[in-house]
């Protein structure tokens, strides 16, 4: 059962890829085997790889070893949970220092598949959150 309202049949619906591409956040769709099935332009920019290169990778190939993002994906895929993690270190030699908030959600229509939404954090945002947590 869909939780989204749909348009009447007389009005065309934009293709799913067009919607994902238009989002102002990095989006990765991960299939049930852990491979990247789709990456939007913001994900290409974040990971500094084209969509065709990303499509040949798994998440494990593009994030740091033992990254909490891998644990997040595992929770989403195995348990069907929607998970939000904050200020994950996704730095690699290719991308340099990168931190992001990451939201992972299961794709209900495809068991084991997930969508990951990344919100890159600037140094100022990271410092502000650090100060806020310390009560400054």
C-alpha atoms as a PDB file:
ATOM      1  CA  UNK A   1       0.000   0.000   0.000  1.00  0.00           C
ATOM      2  CA  UNK A   2       1.426   3.353  -1.037  1.00  0.00           C
ATOM      3  CA  UNK A   3       1.630   6.188   1.470  1.00  0.00           C
ATOM      4  CA  UNK A   4       1.915   8.819  -1.252  1.00  0.00           C
ATOM      5  CA  UNK A   5      -1.013  10.563  -2.837  1.00  0.00           C
ATOM      6  CA  UNK A   6      -1.143  10.113  -6.575  1.00  0.00           C
ATOM      7  CA  UNK A   7      -2.309  12.451  -9.303  1.00  0.00           C
ATOM      8  CA  UNK A   8      -5.377  11.752 -11.346  1.00  0.00           C
ATOM      9  CA  UNK A   9      -4.501   9.684 -14.464  1.00  0.00           C
ATOM     10  CA  UNK A  10      -4.982  12.704 -16.768  1.00  0.00           C
ATOM     11  CA  UNK A  11      -1.885  14.443 -15.364  1.00  0.00           C
ATOM     12  CA  UNK A  12       1.557  12.986 -16.154  1.00  0.00           C
ATOM     13  CA  UNK A  13       3.792  11.985 -13.252  1.00  0.00           C
ATOM     14  CA  UNK A  14       7.501  12.873 -13.506  1.00  0.00           C
ATOM     15  CA  UNK A  15       9.782   9.851 -13.871  1.00  0.00           C
ATOM     16  CA  UNK A  16      11.350   8.630 -10.629  1.00  0.00           C
ATOM     17  CA  UNK A  17      14.863   9.320 -11.894  1.00  0.00           C
ATOM     18  CA  UNK A  18      13.940  12.936 -12.664  1.00  0.00           C
ATOM     19  CA  UNK A  19      12.638  13.372  -9.113  1.00  0.00           C
ATOM     20  CA  UNK A  20      15.762  11.870  -7.521  1.00  0.00           C
ATOM     21  CA  UNK A  21      18.038  13.927  -9.754  1.00  0.00           C
ATOM     22  CA  UNK A  22      16.253  17.136  -8.763  1.00  0.00           C
ATOM     23  CA  UNK A  23      16.738  16.607  -5.019  1.00  0.00           C
ATOM     24  CA  UNK A  24      19.252  19.053  -3.481  1.00  0.00           C
ATOM     25  CA  UNK A  25      20.901  16.283  -1.426  1.00  0.00           C
ATOM     26  CA  UNK A  26      23.149  13.378  -2.353  1.00  0.00           C
ATOM     27  CA  UNK A  27      21.012  10.271  -2.917  1.00  0.00           C
ATOM     28  CA  UNK A  28      22.214   6.694  -3.337  1.00  0.00           C
ATOM     29  CA  UNK A  29      19.924   3.757  -4.042  1.00  0.00           C
ATOM     30  CA  UNK A  30      21.485   0.508  -2.833  1.00  0.00           C
ATOM     31  CA  UNK A  31      20.163  -2.806  -4.155  1.00  0.00           C
ATOM     32  CA  UNK A  32      19.619  -5.945  -2.078  1.00  0.00           C
ATOM     33  CA  UNK A  33      23.153  -7.194  -2.879  1.00  0.00           C
ATOM     34  CA  UNK A  34      24.734  -3.969  -1.587  1.00  0.00           C
ATOM     35  CA  UNK A  35      25.571  -2.498  -4.991  1.00  0.00           C
ATOM     36  CA  UNK A  36      24.841   1.103  -5.855  1.00  0.00           C
ATOM     37  CA  UNK A  37      21.861   0.988  -8.191  1.00  0.00           C
ATOM     38  CA  UNK A  38      21.482   4.743  -8.672  1.00  0.00           C
ATOM     39  CA  UNK A  39      23.271   7.936  -7.700  1.00  0.00           C
ATOM     40  CA  UNK A  40      22.049  11.466  -8.338  1.00  0.00           C
ATOM     41  CA  UNK A  41      24.240  14.410  -9.404  1.00  0.00           C
ATOM     42  CA  UNK A  42      24.779  15.540  -5.803  1.00  0.00           C
ATOM     43  CA  UNK A  43      26.083  12.047  -4.910  1.00  0.00           C
ATOM     44  CA  UNK A  44      28.445  12.202  -7.886  1.00  0.00           C
ATOM     45  CA  UNK A  45      29.761  15.504  -6.548  1.00  0.00           C
ATOM     46  CA  UNK A  46      30.009  14.279  -2.935  1.00  0.00           C
ATOM     47  CA  UNK A  47      31.936  11.110  -3.808  1.00  0.00           C
ATOM     48  CA  UNK A  48      33.786  12.710  -6.765  1.00  0.00           C
ATOM     49  CA  UNK A  49      32.806   9.872  -9.094  1.00  0.00           C
ATOM     50  CA  UNK A  50      30.445   9.735 -12.031  1.00  0.00           C
ATOM     51  CA  UNK A  51      27.199   7.781 -11.814  1.00  0.00           C
ATOM     52  CA  UNK A  52      28.516   5.077 -14.159  1.00  0.00           C
ATOM     53  CA  UNK A  53      31.544   4.526 -11.882  1.00  0.00           C
ATOM     54  CA  UNK A  54      29.391   4.571  -8.740  1.00  0.00           C
ATOM     55  CA  UNK A  55      27.062   1.990 -10.344  1.00  0.00           C
ATOM     56  CA  UNK A  56      29.970  -0.481 -10.452  1.00  0.00           C
ATOM     57  CA  UNK A  57      30.668  -0.071  -6.723  1.00  0.00           C
ATOM     58  CA  UNK A  58      29.249  -1.205  -3.420  1.00  0.00           C
ATOM     59  CA  UNK A  59      28.888   1.218  -0.533  1.00  0.00           C
ATOM     60  CA  UNK A  60      31.836  -0.555   1.126  1.00  0.00           C
ATOM     61  CA  UNK A  61      33.983   0.415  -1.887  1.00  0.00           C
ATOM     62  CA  UNK A  62      33.402   4.169  -1.495  1.00  0.00           C
ATOM     63  CA  UNK A  63      33.261   4.872   2.255  1.00  0.00           C
ATOM     64  CA  UNK A  64      36.026   4.460   4.845  1.00  0.00           C
ATOM     65  CA  UNK A  65      36.699   1.033   6.329  1.00  0.00           C
ATOM     66  CA  UNK A  66      34.418   0.370   9.335  1.00  0.00           C
ATOM     67  CA  UNK A  67      32.349   3.471   8.566  1.00  0.00           C
ATOM     68  CA  UNK A  68      29.171   3.844  10.660  1.00  0.00           C
ATOM     69  CA  UNK A  69      27.407   4.336   7.323  1.00  0.00           C
ATOM     70  CA  UNK A  70      27.905   0.615   6.643  1.00  0.00           C
ATOM     71  CA  UNK A  71      26.215  -0.243   9.950  1.00  0.00           C
ATOM     72  CA  UNK A  72      23.394   2.160   9.090  1.00  0.00           C
ATOM     73  CA  UNK A  73      22.858   0.407   5.739  1.00  0.00           C
ATOM     74  CA  UNK A  74      22.887  -2.999   7.433  1.00  0.00           C
ATOM     75  CA  UNK A  75      20.153  -1.913   9.880  1.00  0.00           C
ATOM     76  CA  UNK A  76      18.046  -0.564   7.043  1.00  0.00           C
ATOM     77  CA  UNK A  77      18.472  -3.644   4.839  1.00  0.00           C
ATOM     78  CA  UNK A  78      18.208  -6.399   7.441  1.00  0.00           C
ATOM     79  CA  UNK A  79      15.721  -4.925   9.875  1.00  0.00           C
ATOM     80  CA  UNK A  80      13.734  -2.596   7.636  1.00  0.00           C
ATOM     81  CA  UNK A  81      14.350   0.385   9.907  1.00  0.00           C
ATOM     82  CA  UNK A  82      14.621   4.006   8.898  1.00  0.00           C
ATOM     83  CA  UNK A  83      17.840   5.238  10.516  1.00  0.00           C
ATOM     84  CA  UNK A  84      19.302   8.750  10.851  1.00  0.00           C
ATOM     85  CA  UNK A  85      22.939   9.230  11.875  1.00  0.00           C
ATOM     86  CA  UNK A  86      24.567  12.602  12.463  1.00  0.00           C
ATOM     87  CA  UNK A  87      28.023  13.932  11.587  1.00  0.00           C
ATOM     88  CA  UNK A  88      29.453  10.754  10.066  1.00  0.00           C
ATOM     89  CA  UNK A  89      33.086  10.952   8.984  1.00  0.00           C
ATOM     90  CA  UNK A  90      33.102   9.898   5.314  1.00  0.00           C
ATOM     91  CA  UNK A  91      36.605  11.216   4.561  1.00  0.00           C
ATOM     92  CA  UNK A  92      38.721   9.328   2.026  1.00  0.00           C
ATOM     93  CA  UNK A  93      41.956  10.106   0.198  1.00  0.00           C
ATOM     94  CA  UNK A  94      39.876  10.733  -2.946  1.00  0.00           C
ATOM     95  CA  UNK A  95      37.392  13.181  -1.404  1.00  0.00           C
ATOM     96  CA  UNK A  96      39.415  14.663   1.446  1.00  0.00           C
ATOM     97  CA  UNK A  97      37.664  15.520   4.683  1.00  0.00           C
ATOM     98  CA  UNK A  98      33.914  14.943   4.372  1.00  0.00           C
ATOM     99  CA  UNK A  99      31.255  14.776   7.059  1.00  0.00           C
ATOM    100  CA  UNK A 100      27.528  14.284   6.545  1.00  0.00           C
ATOM    101  CA  UNK A 101      24.263  13.530   8.251  1.00  0.00           C
ATOM    102  CA  UNK A 102      22.881  10.355   6.670  1.00  0.00           C
ATOM    103  CA  UNK A 103      19.302   9.119   6.519  1.00  0.00           C
ATOM    104  CA  UNK A 104      18.708   5.550   5.378  1.00  0.00           C
ATOM    105  CA  UNK A 105      15.297   4.108   4.566  1.00  0.00           C
ATOM    106  CA  UNK A 106      14.145   0.768   3.191  1.00  0.00           C
ATOM    107  CA  UNK A 107      12.504   0.573  -0.217  1.00  0.00           C
ATOM    108  CA  UNK A 108       9.436  -1.431   0.764  1.00  0.00           C
ATOM    109  CA  UNK A 109       8.679  -2.632  -2.759  1.00  0.00           C
ATOM    110  CA  UNK A 110      12.155  -4.196  -3.117  1.00  0.00           C
ATOM    111  CA  UNK A 111      13.142  -6.288  -0.069  1.00  0.00           C
ATOM    112  CA  UNK A 112      16.726  -5.541   0.987  1.00  0.00           C
ATOM    113  CA  UNK A 113      17.015  -2.369  -1.101  1.00  0.00           C
ATOM    114  CA  UNK A 114      17.576   0.998   0.535  1.00  0.00           C
ATOM    115  CA  UNK A 115      17.841   4.677  -0.209  1.00  0.00           C
ATOM    116  CA  UNK A 116      20.500   6.799   1.489  1.00  0.00           C
ATOM    117  CA  UNK A 117      20.192  10.572   1.692  1.00  0.00           C
ATOM    118  CA  UNK A 118      23.366  12.484   2.590  1.00  0.00           C
ATOM    119  CA  UNK A 119      23.405  16.028   3.949  1.00  0.00           C
ATOM    120  CA  UNK A 120      27.015  17.283   3.713  1.00  0.00           C
ATOM    121  CA  UNK A 121      28.181  19.318   6.705  1.00  0.00           C
ATOM    122  CA  UNK A 122      30.443  22.341   6.489  1.00  0.00           C
ATOM    123  CA  UNK A 123      33.158  22.930   9.067  1.00  0.00           C
ATOM    124  CA  UNK A 124      31.070  25.788  10.520  1.00  0.00           C
ATOM    125  CA  UNK A 125      28.061  23.475  10.925  1.00  0.00           C
ATOM    126  CA  UNK A 126      30.232  20.868  12.625  1.00  0.00           C
ATOM    127  CA  UNK A 127      31.740  23.438  14.980  1.00  0.00           C
ATOM    128  CA  UNK A 128      28.312  24.905  15.800  1.00  0.00           C
ATOM    129  CA  UNK A 129      26.956  21.472  16.704  1.00  0.00           C
ATOM    130  CA  UNK A 130      30.026  20.783  18.810  1.00  0.00           C
ATOM    131  CA  UNK A 131      29.595  24.016  20.713  1.00  0.00           C
ATOM    132  CA  UNK A 132      25.864  23.422  21.161  1.00  0.00           C
ATOM    133  CA  UNK A 133      26.500  19.963  22.634  1.00  0.00           C
ATOM    134  CA  UNK A 134      28.996  21.458  25.088  1.00  0.00           C
ATOM    135  CA  UNK A 135      26.491  24.075  26.210  1.00  0.00           C
ATOM    136  CA  UNK A 136      28.469  27.022  24.848  1.00  0.00           C
END
